[in-house]
Protein backbone atom coordinates (compact mmCIF):
# COMPACT_ATOMS: atom_id res chain seq x y z
CA MET A 1 11.20 50.89 -56.45
CA GLU A 2 10.58 52.24 -53.12
CA ALA A 3 6.94 52.00 -51.66
CA ASN A 4 8.14 54.34 -47.69
CA ASP A 5 10.63 54.09 -45.61
CA GLU A 6 9.16 51.63 -43.51
CA THR A 7 10.39 48.53 -45.68
CA LEU A 8 12.67 47.38 -47.29
CA ARG A 9 13.84 44.62 -50.50
CA VAL A 10 14.97 41.97 -49.03
CA LEU A 11 16.60 38.98 -50.74
CA ARG A 12 17.86 37.05 -47.05
CA VAL A 13 19.40 38.20 -44.62
CA VAL A 14 23.33 36.14 -43.16
CA GLU A 15 23.53 35.85 -39.56
CA GLY A 16 26.84 35.98 -38.12
CA THR A 17 29.40 36.42 -41.71
CA SER A 18 32.96 37.17 -41.78
CA VAL A 19 33.22 38.06 -44.98
CA ASP A 20 31.66 41.06 -46.16
CA GLY A 21 33.49 42.83 -43.88
CA PRO A 22 35.35 42.84 -40.40
CA SER A 23 34.49 40.77 -37.45
CA LEU A 24 31.01 38.46 -37.76
CA ARG A 25 28.27 40.86 -39.46
CA THR A 26 24.68 40.71 -39.90
CA SER A 27 24.37 41.13 -43.50
CA ILE A 28 21.56 42.10 -45.16
CA TYR A 29 20.79 41.82 -48.74
CA VAL A 30 19.23 43.61 -50.51
CA ALA A 31 17.04 43.47 -54.10
CA GLY A 32 17.62 45.19 -57.21
CA CYS A 33 20.45 46.65 -58.98
CA ARG A 34 20.90 47.94 -62.29
CA HIS A 35 24.57 47.66 -62.71
CA ALA A 36 24.41 44.51 -64.15
CA CYS A 37 28.36 44.10 -63.63
CA PRO A 38 29.37 41.44 -65.70
CA LEU A 39 30.22 37.80 -64.27
CA CYS A 40 28.61 39.46 -60.98
CA HIS A 41 28.65 37.00 -58.04
CA ASN A 42 24.85 36.69 -57.66
CA PRO A 43 23.03 38.08 -60.55
CA GLN A 44 19.19 36.62 -59.24
CA SER A 45 20.09 40.01 -56.50
CA TRP A 46 19.73 42.53 -59.96
CA ASP A 47 15.41 41.91 -59.85
CA MET A 48 14.62 45.33 -58.47
CA ASN A 49 11.39 43.52 -57.46
CA GLY A 50 12.88 40.29 -56.43
CA GLY A 51 12.91 39.47 -52.82
CA GLU A 52 10.40 40.58 -50.14
CA ARG A 53 9.04 43.31 -48.44
CA ARG A 54 10.60 43.26 -44.22
CA SER A 55 9.49 45.59 -41.96
CA LEU A 56 12.29 47.96 -41.09
CA ASP A 57 11.31 46.71 -37.01
CA ASN A 58 11.91 43.53 -37.89
CA LEU A 59 14.87 43.99 -39.43
CA MET A 60 15.87 46.08 -36.34
CA GLN A 61 14.62 42.70 -34.41
CA VAL A 62 16.95 40.46 -35.70
CA ILE A 63 20.23 43.38 -35.60
CA ALA A 64 19.85 43.57 -31.64
CA TYR A 65 18.85 40.57 -32.11
CA ASN A 66 22.97 39.37 -33.54
CA GLU A 67 24.83 41.75 -31.26
CA SER A 68 27.41 42.19 -34.40
CA PRO A 69 27.35 44.63 -36.71
CA VAL A 70 25.93 45.53 -40.33
CA THR A 71 26.00 45.15 -43.43
CA LEU A 72 24.25 45.93 -46.61
CA THR A 73 24.93 44.09 -49.62
CA GLY A 74 22.97 42.90 -52.72
CA GLY A 75 22.07 43.86 -54.99
CA ASP A 76 22.61 48.13 -54.52
CA PRO A 77 21.27 49.41 -50.65
CA LEU A 78 21.74 52.50 -52.50
CA TYR A 79 18.87 51.84 -55.02
CA GLN A 80 16.50 51.70 -51.99
CA PRO A 81 17.85 55.22 -50.44
CA VAL A 82 14.47 56.61 -48.56
CA ALA A 83 15.72 53.04 -46.61
CA VAL A 84 17.84 52.49 -46.14
CA LYS A 85 18.71 55.72 -44.53
CA GLU A 86 16.22 54.83 -41.96
CA LEU A 87 16.97 51.31 -41.25
CA VAL A 88 20.96 53.30 -40.71
CA HIS A 89 19.35 56.11 -38.20
CA ARG A 90 17.91 53.71 -36.01
CA ILE A 91 21.48 50.89 -36.28
CA LYS A 92 23.43 53.07 -35.62
CA THR A 93 21.33 55.52 -32.30
CA GLU A 94 19.08 52.68 -31.40
CA LEU A 95 22.32 50.04 -31.25
CA GLY A 96 25.52 52.41 -32.43
CA TYR A 97 26.62 49.67 -33.98
CA ASN A 98 28.67 49.95 -36.84
CA VAL A 99 27.55 50.07 -41.08
CA TRP A 100 29.29 48.72 -43.97
CA CYS A 101 27.52 49.25 -47.09
CA PHE A 102 28.55 47.32 -50.20
CA THR A 103 27.20 49.69 -53.77
CA GLY A 104 28.33 49.61 -57.37
CA PHE A 105 27.78 53.26 -57.22
CA THR A 106 31.21 54.73 -57.41
CA TRP A 107 32.52 57.50 -54.43
CA ASP A 108 32.20 60.71 -57.39
CA GLU A 109 29.31 59.72 -58.67
CA ILE A 110 27.21 59.49 -54.38
CA VAL A 111 29.07 62.51 -52.95
CA ALA A 112 27.40 64.11 -56.62
CA ASP A 113 24.19 63.15 -56.38
CA PRO A 114 22.81 65.10 -53.41
CA ALA A 115 20.32 61.96 -52.55
CA LEU A 116 22.41 59.18 -52.25
CA LEU A 117 25.37 61.21 -50.17
CA ASP A 118 22.51 61.68 -47.79
CA THR A 119 21.51 58.20 -47.84
CA ILE A 120 24.79 57.15 -46.34
CA ARG A 121 25.90 59.92 -44.10
CA GLU A 122 25.34 58.00 -41.18
CA VAL A 123 27.04 54.65 -42.58
CA ASP A 124 30.73 53.99 -40.92
CA VAL A 125 32.20 52.70 -43.63
CA VAL A 126 31.23 51.60 -48.06
CA VAL A 127 32.79 50.17 -50.32
CA GLU A 128 32.41 51.50 -54.07
CA GLY A 129 32.33 50.90 -57.50
CA ARG A 130 31.61 48.16 -59.66
CA PHE A 131 32.57 44.29 -60.33
CA VAL A 132 34.78 44.46 -63.30
CA ASN A 133 35.70 41.16 -63.32
CA ALA A 134 39.03 42.27 -66.32
CA LEU A 135 40.33 43.64 -62.70
CA ARG A 136 39.13 40.30 -60.77
CA ASP A 137 42.01 39.53 -57.67
CA THR A 138 40.95 37.00 -55.27
CA SER A 139 43.92 38.30 -52.33
CA LEU A 140 41.87 41.85 -51.63
CA LEU A 141 40.59 42.52 -49.11
CA PHE A 142 36.44 43.04 -49.39
CA ARG A 143 35.94 43.16 -53.05
CA GLY A 144 36.26 41.67 -55.56
CA SER A 145 37.80 44.16 -58.35
CA SER A 146 41.44 46.42 -58.33
CA ASN A 147 39.09 49.16 -58.80
CA GLN A 148 37.07 49.64 -56.48
CA ARG A 149 37.77 50.79 -53.04
CA ILE A 150 37.31 51.02 -48.82
CA VAL A 151 36.01 54.15 -48.47
CA ASP A 152 35.48 56.04 -44.70
CA VAL A 153 32.53 58.26 -45.03
CA ARG A 154 32.98 60.19 -42.00
CA SER A 155 36.63 60.95 -43.03
CA SER A 156 36.17 61.39 -46.72
CA ILE A 157 33.19 63.70 -45.76
CA ASP A 158 35.29 66.25 -43.96
CA ALA A 159 37.78 66.18 -45.78
CA ARG A 160 35.96 66.64 -48.72
CA ARG A 161 38.39 63.93 -50.65
CA LEU A 162 37.92 60.21 -50.53
CA ILE A 163 40.40 58.55 -47.07
CA GLU A 164 40.14 54.83 -47.35
CA TRP A 165 39.18 52.80 -44.83
CA LYS A 166 42.37 51.24 -42.57
CA ARG A 167 42.56 48.05 -40.59
CA ASP A 168 44.02 49.56 -37.98
CA GLY A 169 43.00 49.57 -34.93
CA TRP A 170 39.87 47.15 -36.12
CA GLU A 171 41.01 44.49 -34.55
CA SER A 172 38.09 43.07 -32.46
CA LEU A 173 34.13 43.15 -32.37
CA ASP A 174 34.10 46.09 -29.90
CA ASP A 175 36.05 48.83 -32.62
CA PHE A 176 33.13 48.18 -34.88
CA LYS A 177 30.40 49.53 -32.24
CA ILE A 178 29.66 53.32 -32.04
């Protein structure tokens, strides 16, 4: 699906949303997902050739304009690993913003695949796991089903085990820069 690291296949960009992570965020909905979770809330995102190609430069302009943390969702961003890795690197080094990534891959699948692990290394938080309708729980923070976990990426990589993200200490927009 992925041609190079200069473009990302995007369904839409939502500016100033608060549903894809803490605080107001810029959410980039990428195209393509092969997980095909039954009763997924966004099945139109499954098409690997959906949306449009957007340059990383264009996405960086939108992100910089909004001056807010970023969420990559979709679809599944990890199906475009080269471009996602480059975009996250640019967000972190050029803007210093917090980055979340929603994926249907589990943490165990991510760490078992060197390419996936390399893709998320600079991401701050990964919300992982396939949506399971039988485990659907609308009271959960930033998740649709109770099998999904919110992973503190840096702490998990350093500890060599999954460390769940804790909301404590993340109360203002300033907490999401760097």
